[in-house]
Amino acid sequence: MGPYNIEGETTEIRLLRSIVELCGRILMAPTSEQRESLRGTAYALRAELLKLVEAIPIPDETDVARTRGEFEPRPMMIRGSS
């Protein structure tokens, strides 16, 4: 699975699902100690999710040109005869 696979579940999607599930568990946990433990896990997963999201590359114009095959022409190098 590549980084841009829309149909598969990426690590980011799985982390987000886990955070949502933990939030539901927090609401149902019977003791404050259990809620606090679940909250700590949710905070840690959220921090990891943010790191992953921030690491997703955003294509710049060079990437666009490379993808489209629109390379800037390079000046021809003329070598002198020796």
PDB file of N, CA and C in Angstrom:
ATOM      1  N   MET A   1       0.852  -1.176   0.000  1.00  0.00           N
ATOM      2  CA  MET A   1       0.000   0.000   0.000  1.00  0.00           C
ATOM      3  C   MET A   1       0.898   1.240   0.000  1.00  0.00           C
ATOM      4  N   GLY A   2       0.699   2.100  -0.965  1.00  0.00           N
ATOM      5  CA  GLY A   2       1.494   3.313  -1.085  1.00  0.00           C
ATOM      6  C   GLY A   2       0.959   4.426  -0.202  1.00  0.00           C
ATOM      7  N   PRO A   3       1.704   5.519  -0.120  1.00  0.00           N
ATOM      8  CA  PRO A   3       1.287   6.615   0.763  1.00  0.00           C
ATOM      9  C   PRO A   3       0.025   7.323   0.318  1.00  0.00           C
ATOM     10  N   TYR A   4      -0.366   7.170  -0.962  1.00  0.00           N
ATOM     11  CA  TYR A   4      -1.546   7.875  -1.451  1.00  0.00           C
ATOM     12  C   TYR A   4      -2.695   6.931  -1.765  1.00  0.00           C
ATOM     13  N   ASN A   5      -2.679   5.732  -1.203  1.00  0.00           N
ATOM     14  CA  ASN A   5      -3.734   4.754  -1.457  1.00  0.00           C
ATOM     15  C   ASN A   5      -4.997   5.190  -0.714  1.00  0.00           C
ATOM     16  N   ILE A   6      -5.989   5.634  -1.451  1.00  0.00           N
ATOM     17  CA  ILE A   6      -7.227   6.153  -0.866  1.00  0.00           C
ATOM     18  C   ILE A   6      -8.117   5.015  -0.366  1.00  0.00           C
ATOM     19  N   GLU A   7      -8.072   3.862  -1.036  1.00  0.00           N
ATOM     20  CA  GLU A   7      -8.985   2.779  -0.708  1.00  0.00           C
ATOM     21  C   GLU A   7      -8.561   1.976   0.518  1.00  0.00           C
ATOM     22  N   GLY A   8      -7.291   1.917   0.818  1.00  0.00           N
ATOM     23  CA  GLY A   8      -6.820   1.158   1.969  1.00  0.00           C
ATOM     24  C   GLY A   8      -6.774   2.028   3.209  1.00  0.00           C
ATOM     25  N   GLU A   9      -6.660   1.376   4.359  1.00  0.00           N
ATOM     26  CA  GLU A   9      -6.544   2.152   5.593  1.00  0.00           C
ATOM     27  C   GLU A   9      -5.088   2.457   5.866  1.00  0.00           C
ATOM     28  N   THR A  10      -4.785   3.719   5.926  1.00  0.00           N
ATOM     29  CA  THR A  10      -3.430   4.145   6.240  1.00  0.00           C
ATOM     30  C   THR A  10      -3.236   4.129   7.746  1.00  0.00           C
ATOM     31  N   THR A  11      -2.007   4.296   8.158  1.00  0.00           N
ATOM     32  CA  THR A  11      -1.697   4.385   9.585  1.00  0.00           C
ATOM     33  C   THR A  11      -2.453   5.542  10.223  1.00  0.00           C
ATOM     34  N   GLU A  12      -2.544   6.648   9.510  1.00  0.00           N
ATOM     35  CA  GLU A  12      -3.247   7.823  10.038  1.00  0.00           C
ATOM     36  C   GLU A  12      -4.717   7.510  10.287  1.00  0.00           C
ATOM     37  N   ILE A  13      -5.343   6.811   9.362  1.00  0.00           N
ATOM     38  CA  ILE A  13      -6.760   6.471   9.525  1.00  0.00           C
ATOM     39  C   ILE A  13      -6.950   5.529  10.709  1.00  0.00           C
ATOM     40  N   ARG A  14      -6.071   4.543  10.838  1.00  0.00           N
ATOM     41  CA  ARG A  14      -6.191   3.606  11.963  1.00  0.00           C
ATOM     42  C   ARG A  14      -5.997   4.316  13.300  1.00  0.00           C
ATOM     43  N   LEU A  15      -5.049   5.250  13.348  1.00  0.00           N
ATOM     44  CA  LEU A  15      -4.857   6.013  14.583  1.00  0.00           C
ATOM     45  C   LEU A  15      -6.082   6.853  14.906  1.00  0.00           C
ATOM     46  N   LEU A  16      -6.640   7.501  13.912  1.00  0.00           N
ATOM     47  CA  LEU A  16      -7.830   8.319  14.138  1.00  0.00           C
ATOM     48  C   LEU A  16      -8.985   7.467  14.639  1.00  0.00           C
ATOM     49  N   ARG A  17      -9.175   6.291  14.042  1.00  0.00           N
ATOM     50  CA  ARG A  17     -10.236   5.386  14.501  1.00  0.00           C
ATOM     51  C   ARG A  17     -10.000   4.973  15.961  1.00  0.00           C
ATOM     52  N   SER A  18      -8.757   4.710  16.307  1.00  0.00           N
ATOM     53  CA  SER A  18      -8.434   4.321  17.684  1.00  0.00           C
ATOM     54  C   SER A  18      -8.736   5.444  18.668  1.00  0.00           C
ATOM     55  N   ILE A  19      -8.412   6.673  18.276  1.00  0.00           N
ATOM     56  CA  ILE A  19      -8.689   7.816  19.146  1.00  0.00           C
ATOM     57  C   ILE A  19     -10.186   7.971  19.362  1.00  0.00           C
ATOM     58  N   VAL A  20     -10.967   7.843  18.296  1.00  0.00           N
ATOM     59  CA  VAL A  20     -12.426   7.959  18.410  1.00  0.00           C
ATOM     60  C   VAL A  20     -12.971   6.860  19.318  1.00  0.00           C
ATOM     61  N   GLU A  21     -12.460   5.636  19.153  1.00  0.00           N
ATOM     62  CA  GLU A  21     -12.904   4.530  20.002  1.00  0.00           C
ATOM     63  C   GLU A  21     -12.548   4.783  21.472  1.00  0.00           C
ATOM     64  N   LEU A  22     -11.335   5.291  21.705  1.00  0.00           N
ATOM     65  CA  LEU A  22     -10.938   5.596  23.084  1.00  0.00           C
ATOM     66  C   LEU A  22     -11.829   6.672  23.703  1.00  0.00           C
ATOM     67  N   CYS A  23     -12.204   7.656  22.910  1.00  0.00           N
ATOM     68  CA  CYS A  23     -13.094   8.706  23.439  1.00  0.00           C
ATOM     69  C   CYS A  23     -14.426   8.102  23.882  1.00  0.00           C
ATOM     70  N   GLY A  24     -14.942   7.149  23.128  1.00  0.00           N
ATOM     71  CA  GLY A  24     -16.165   6.460  23.529  1.00  0.00           C
ATOM     72  C   GLY A  24     -15.967   5.658  24.807  1.00  0.00           C
ATOM     73  N   ARG A  25     -14.815   5.013  24.920  1.00  0.00           N
ATOM     74  CA  ARG A  25     -14.524   4.243  26.134  1.00  0.00           C
ATOM     75  C   ARG A  25     -14.384   5.146  27.356  1.00  0.00           C
ATOM     76  N   ILE A  26     -13.807   6.330  27.143  1.00  0.00           N
ATOM     77  CA  ILE A  26     -13.664   7.281  28.258  1.00  0.00           C
ATOM     78  C   ILE A  26     -15.042   7.623  28.824  1.00  0.00           C
ATOM     79  N   LEU A  27     -15.985   7.861  27.937  1.00  0.00           N
ATOM     80  CA  LEU A  27     -17.330   8.222  28.385  1.00  0.00           C
ATOM     81  C   LEU A  27     -18.007   7.098  29.160  1.00  0.00           C
ATOM     82  N   MET A  28     -17.634   5.847  28.892  1.00  0.00           N
ATOM     83  CA  MET A  28     -18.279   4.713  29.536  1.00  0.00           C
ATOM     84  C   MET A  28     -17.485   4.116  30.706  1.00  0.00           C
ATOM     85  N   ALA A  29     -16.254   4.553  30.880  1.00  0.00           N
ATOM     86  CA  ALA A  29     -15.418   3.978  31.939  1.00  0.00           C
ATOM     87  C   ALA A  29     -16.013   4.288  33.314  1.00  0.00           C
ATOM     88  N   PRO A  30     -16.073   3.289  34.207  1.00  0.00           N
ATOM     89  CA  PRO A  30     -16.736   3.481  35.490  1.00  0.00           C
ATOM     90  C   PRO A  30     -15.957   4.300  36.516  1.00  0.00           C
ATOM     91  N   THR A  31     -14.621   4.321  36.423  1.00  0.00           N
ATOM     92  CA  THR A  31     -13.859   5.050  37.448  1.00  0.00           C
ATOM     93  C   THR A  31     -13.034   6.163  36.820  1.00  0.00           C
ATOM     94  N   SER A  32     -12.721   7.147  37.618  1.00  0.00           N
ATOM     95  CA  SER A  32     -11.908   8.264  37.121  1.00  0.00           C
ATOM     96  C   SER A  32     -10.496   7.790  36.780  1.00  0.00           C
ATOM     97  N   GLU A  33      -9.999   6.782  37.506  1.00  0.00           N
ATOM     98  CA  GLU A  33      -8.664   6.248  37.207  1.00  0.00           C
ATOM     99  C   GLU A  33      -8.631   5.610  35.816  1.00  0.00           C
ATOM    100  N   GLN A  34      -9.663   4.859  35.497  1.00  0.00           N
ATOM    101  CA  GLN A  34      -9.741   4.245  34.171  1.00  0.00           C
ATOM    102  C   GLN A  34      -9.873   5.306  33.084  1.00  0.00           C
ATOM    103  N   ARG A  35     -10.694   6.322  33.358  1.00  0.00           N
ATOM    104  CA  ARG A  35     -10.860   7.403  32.384  1.00  0.00           C
ATOM    105  C   ARG A  35      -9.540   8.135  32.166  1.00  0.00           C
ATOM    106  N   GLU A  36      -8.807   8.370  33.235  1.00  0.00           N
ATOM    107  CA  GLU A  36      -7.527   9.072  33.130  1.00  0.00           C
ATOM    108  C   GLU A  36      -6.513   8.248  32.335  1.00  0.00           C
ATOM    109  N   SER A  37      -6.503   6.946  32.544  1.00  0.00           N
ATOM    110  CA  SER A  37      -5.598   6.070  31.802  1.00  0.00           C
ATOM    111  C   SER A  37      -5.938   6.089  30.307  1.00  0.00           C
ATOM    112  N   LEU A  38      -7.216   5.967  30.004  1.00  0.00           N
ATOM    113  CA  LEU A  38      -7.651   6.011  28.603  1.00  0.00           C
ATOM    114  C   LEU A  38      -7.348   7.365  27.968  1.00  0.00           C
ATOM    115  N   ARG A  39      -7.534   8.429  28.740  1.00  0.00           N
ATOM    116  CA  ARG A  39      -7.247   9.782  28.251  1.00  0.00           C
ATOM    117  C   ARG A  39      -5.767   9.920  27.907  1.00  0.00           C
ATOM    118  N   GLY A  40      -4.904   9.377  28.764  1.00  0.00           N
ATOM    119  CA  GLY A  40      -3.456   9.432  28.503  1.00  0.00           C
ATOM    120  C   GLY A  40      -3.092   8.721  27.209  1.00  0.00           C
ATOM    121  N   THR A  41      -3.717   7.566  26.990  1.00  0.00           N
ATOM    122  CA  THR A  41      -3.479   6.834  25.750  1.00  0.00           C
ATOM    123  C   THR A  41      -3.983   7.627  24.556  1.00  0.00           C
ATOM    124  N   ALA A  42      -5.144   8.236  24.670  1.00  0.00           N
ATOM    125  CA  ALA A  42      -5.707   9.033  23.573  1.00  0.00           C
ATOM    126  C   ALA A  42      -4.803  10.223  23.251  1.00  0.00           C
ATOM    127  N   TYR A  43      -4.285  10.883  24.273  1.00  0.00           N
ATOM    128  CA  TYR A  43      -3.371  12.012  24.048  1.00  0.00           C
ATOM    129  C   TYR A  43      -2.107  11.552  23.329  1.00  0.00           C
ATOM    130  N   ALA A  44      -1.574  10.398  23.729  1.00  0.00           N
ATOM    131  CA  ALA A  44      -0.358   9.883  23.092  1.00  0.00           C
ATOM    132  C   ALA A  44      -0.614   9.530  21.625  1.00  0.00           C
ATOM    133  N   LEU A  45      -1.738   8.888  21.356  1.00  0.00           N
ATOM    134  CA  LEU A  45      -2.075   8.546  19.971  1.00  0.00           C
ATOM    135  C   LEU A  45      -2.298   9.802  19.130  1.00  0.00           C
ATOM    136  N   ARG A  46      -2.924  10.800  19.723  1.00  0.00           N
ATOM    137  CA  ARG A  46      -3.156  12.051  18.995  1.00  0.00           C
ATOM    138  C   ARG A  46      -1.832  12.727  18.637  1.00  0.00           C
ATOM    139  N   ALA A  47      -0.880  12.694  19.562  1.00  0.00           N
ATOM    140  CA  ALA A  47       0.434  13.281  19.285  1.00  0.00           C
ATOM    141  C   ALA A  47       1.124  12.547  18.135  1.00  0.00           C
ATOM    142  N   GLU A  48       1.012  11.213  18.113  1.00  0.00           N
ATOM    143  CA  GLU A  48       1.597  10.431  17.023  1.00  0.00           C
ATOM    144  C   GLU A  48       0.893  10.728  15.698  1.00  0.00           C
ATOM    145  N   LEU A  49      -0.416  10.865  15.747  1.00  0.00           N
ATOM    146  CA  LEU A  49      -1.175  11.184  14.540  1.00  0.00           C
ATOM    147  C   LEU A  49      -0.742  12.537  13.978  1.00  0.00           C
ATOM    148  N   LEU A  50      -0.561  13.516  14.835  1.00  0.00           N
ATOM    149  CA  LEU A  50      -0.130  14.837  14.379  1.00  0.00           C
ATOM    150  C   LEU A  50       1.237  14.768  13.712  1.00  0.00           C
ATOM    151  N   LYS A  51       2.149  13.983  14.270  1.00  0.00           N
ATOM    152  CA  LYS A  51       3.475  13.832  13.653  1.00  0.00           C
ATOM    153  C   LYS A  51       3.351  13.228  12.261  1.00  0.00           C
ATOM    154  N   LEU A  52       2.515  12.201  12.137  1.00  0.00           N
ATOM    155  CA  LEU A  52       2.345  11.562  10.834  1.00  0.00           C
ATOM    156  C   LEU A  52       1.722  12.510   9.815  1.00  0.00           C
ATOM    157  N   VAL A  53       0.721  13.251  10.250  1.00  0.00           N
ATOM    158  CA  VAL A  53       0.047  14.183   9.338  1.00  0.00           C
ATOM    159  C   VAL A  53       1.006  15.284   8.907  1.00  0.00           C
ATOM    160  N   GLU A  54       1.805  15.795   9.838  1.00  0.00           N
ATOM    161  CA  GLU A  54       2.757  16.848   9.489  1.00  0.00           C
ATOM    162  C   GLU A  54       3.840  16.338   8.545  1.00  0.00           C
ATOM    163  N   ALA A  55       4.097  15.035   8.538  1.00  0.00           N
ATOM    164  CA  ALA A  55       5.119  14.460   7.666  1.00  0.00           C
ATOM    165  C   ALA A  55       4.602  14.153   6.262  1.00  0.00           C
ATOM    166  N   ILE A  56       3.296  14.304   6.033  1.00  0.00           N
ATOM    167  CA  ILE A  56       2.751  14.046   4.697  1.00  0.00           C
ATOM    168  C   ILE A  56       3.281  15.123   3.756  1.00  0.00           C
ATOM    169  N   PRO A  57       3.947  14.694   2.677  1.00  0.00           N
ATOM    170  CA  PRO A  57       4.515  15.695   1.764  1.00  0.00           C
ATOM    171  C   PRO A  57       3.427  16.395   0.952  1.00  0.00           C
ATOM    172  N   ILE A  58       3.598  17.692   0.787  1.00  0.00           N
ATOM    173  CA  ILE A  58       2.722  18.500  -0.050  1.00  0.00           C
ATOM    174  C   ILE A  58       3.518  18.821  -1.317  1.00  0.00           C
ATOM    175  N   PRO A  59       3.039  18.403  -2.492  1.00  0.00           N
ATOM    176  CA  PRO A  59       3.805  18.629  -3.722  1.00  0.00           C
ATOM    177  C   PRO A  59       4.008  20.114  -4.012  1.00  0.00           C
ATOM    178  N   ASP A  60       5.239  20.462  -4.391  1.00  0.00           N
ATOM    179  CA  ASP A  60       5.502  21.833  -4.822  1.00  0.00           C
ATOM    180  C   ASP A  60       5.503  21.862  -6.351  1.00  0.00           C
ATOM    181  N   GLU A  61       5.814  23.004  -6.940  1.00  0.00           N
ATOM    182  CA  GLU A  61       5.749  23.140  -8.394  1.00  0.00           C
ATOM    183  C   GLU A  61       6.762  22.238  -9.102  1.00  0.00           C
ATOM    184  N   THR A  62       7.901  21.995  -8.481  1.00  0.00           N
ATOM    185  CA  THR A  62       8.880  21.078  -9.066  1.00  0.00           C
ATOM    186  C   THR A  62       8.304  19.674  -9.147  1.00  0.00           C
ATOM    187  N   ASP A  63       7.607  19.245  -8.099  1.00  0.00           N
ATOM    188  CA  ASP A  63       6.969  17.925  -8.105  1.00  0.00           C
ATOM    189  C   ASP A  63       5.898  17.835  -9.190  1.00  0.00           C
ATOM    190  N   VAL A  64       5.139  18.912  -9.362  1.00  0.00           N
ATOM    191  CA  VAL A  64       4.095  18.943 -10.386  1.00  0.00           C
ATOM    192  C   VAL A  64       4.731  18.807 -11.768  1.00  0.00           C
ATOM    193  N   ALA A  65       5.777  19.565 -12.019  1.00  0.00           N
ATOM    194  CA  ALA A  65       6.448  19.513 -13.317  1.00  0.00           C
ATOM    195  C   ALA A  65       7.033  18.132 -13.570  1.00  0.00           C
ATOM    196  N   ARG A  66       7.631  17.532 -12.542  1.00  0.00           N
ATOM    197  CA  ARG A  66       8.223  16.199 -12.682  1.00  0.00           C
ATOM    198  C   ARG A  66       7.137  15.176 -13.000  1.00  0.00           C
ATOM    199  N   THR A  67       6.002  15.273 -12.336  1.00  0.00           N
ATOM    200  CA  THR A  67       4.907  14.334 -12.553  1.00  0.00           C
ATOM    201  C   THR A  67       4.328  14.473 -13.955  1.00  0.00           C
ATOM    202  N   ARG A  68       4.211  15.701 -14.415  1.00  0.00           N
ATOM    203  CA  ARG A  68       3.628  15.954 -15.732  1.00  0.00           C
ATOM    204  C   ARG A  68       4.642  15.828 -16.865  1.00  0.00           C
ATOM    205  N   GLY A  69       5.902  15.661 -16.511  1.00  0.00           N
ATOM    206  CA  GLY A  69       6.929  15.565 -17.534  1.00  0.00           C
ATOM    207  C   GLY A  69       7.309  16.903 -18.119  1.00  0.00           C
ATOM    208  N   GLU A  70       7.021  17.967 -17.392  1.00  0.00           N
ATOM    209  CA  GLU A  70       7.299  19.322 -17.863  1.00  0.00           C
ATOM    210  C   GLU A  70       8.593  19.817 -17.234  1.00  0.00           C
ATOM    211  N   PHE A  71       9.704  19.260 -17.663  1.00  0.00           N
ATOM    212  CA  PHE A  71      10.983  19.659 -17.083  1.00  0.00           C
ATOM    213  C   PHE A  71      11.487  20.937 -17.732  1.00  0.00           C
ATOM    214  N   GLU A  72      12.147  21.732 -16.944  1.00  0.00           N
ATOM    215  CA  GLU A  72      12.766  22.943 -17.467  1.00  0.00           C
ATOM    216  C   GLU A  72      13.905  22.521 -18.400  1.00  0.00           C
ATOM    217  N   PRO A  73      13.978  23.103 -19.565  1.00  0.00           N
ATOM    218  CA  PRO A  73      15.089  22.730 -20.451  1.00  0.00           C
ATOM    219  C   PRO A  73      16.412  23.208 -19.852  1.00  0.00           C
ATOM    220  N   ARG A  74      17.371  22.325 -19.896  1.00  0.00           N
ATOM    221  CA  ARG A  74      18.696  22.690 -19.391  1.00  0.00           C
ATOM    222  C   ARG A  74      19.538  23.190 -20.559  1.00  0.00           C
ATOM    223  N   PRO A  75      20.380  24.167 -20.298  1.00  0.00           N
ATOM    224  CA  PRO A  75      21.253  24.631 -21.382  1.00  0.00           C
ATOM    225  C   PRO A  75      22.196  23.509 -21.802  1.00  0.00           C
ATOM    226  N   MET A  76      22.451  23.422 -23.097  1.00  0.00           N
ATOM    227  CA  MET A  76      23.335  22.385 -23.587  1.00  0.00           C
ATOM    228  C   MET A  76      24.769  22.706 -23.215  1.00  0.00           C
ATOM    229  N   MET A  77      25.442  21.677 -22.799  1.00  0.00           N
ATOM    230  CA  MET A  77      26.853  21.835 -22.443  1.00  0.00           C
ATOM    231  C   MET A  77      27.679  21.555 -23.704  1.00  0.00           C
ATOM    232  N   ILE A  78      28.440  22.512 -24.128  1.00  0.00           N
ATOM    233  CA  ILE A  78      29.296  22.312 -25.287  1.00  0.00           C
ATOM    234  C   ILE A  78      30.700  22.129 -24.773  1.00  0.00           C
ATOM    235  N   ARG A  79      31.232  20.965 -25.062  1.00  0.00           N
ATOM    236  CA  ARG A  79      32.587  20.678 -24.604  1.00  0.00           C
ATOM    237  C   ARG A  79      33.585  21.047 -25.717  1.00  0.00           C
ATOM    238  N   GLY A  80      34.601  21.650 -25.295  1.00  0.00           N
ATOM    239  CA  GLY A  80      35.675  21.990 -26.266  1.00  0.00           C
ATOM    240  C   GLY A  80      36.458  20.745 -26.653  1.00  0.00           C
ATOM    241  N   SER A  81      36.991  20.758 -27.846  1.00  0.00           N
ATOM    242  CA  SER A  81      37.786  19.613 -28.276  1.00  0.00           C
ATOM    243  C   SER A  81      39.187  19.729 -27.693  1.00  0.00           C
ATOM    244  N   SER A  82      39.765  18.586 -27.358  1.00  0.00           N
ATOM    245  CA  SER A  82      41.102  18.624 -26.790  1.00  0.00           C
ATOM    246  C   SER A  82      42.111  17.917 -27.639  1.00  0.00           C
TER     247      SER A  82
END
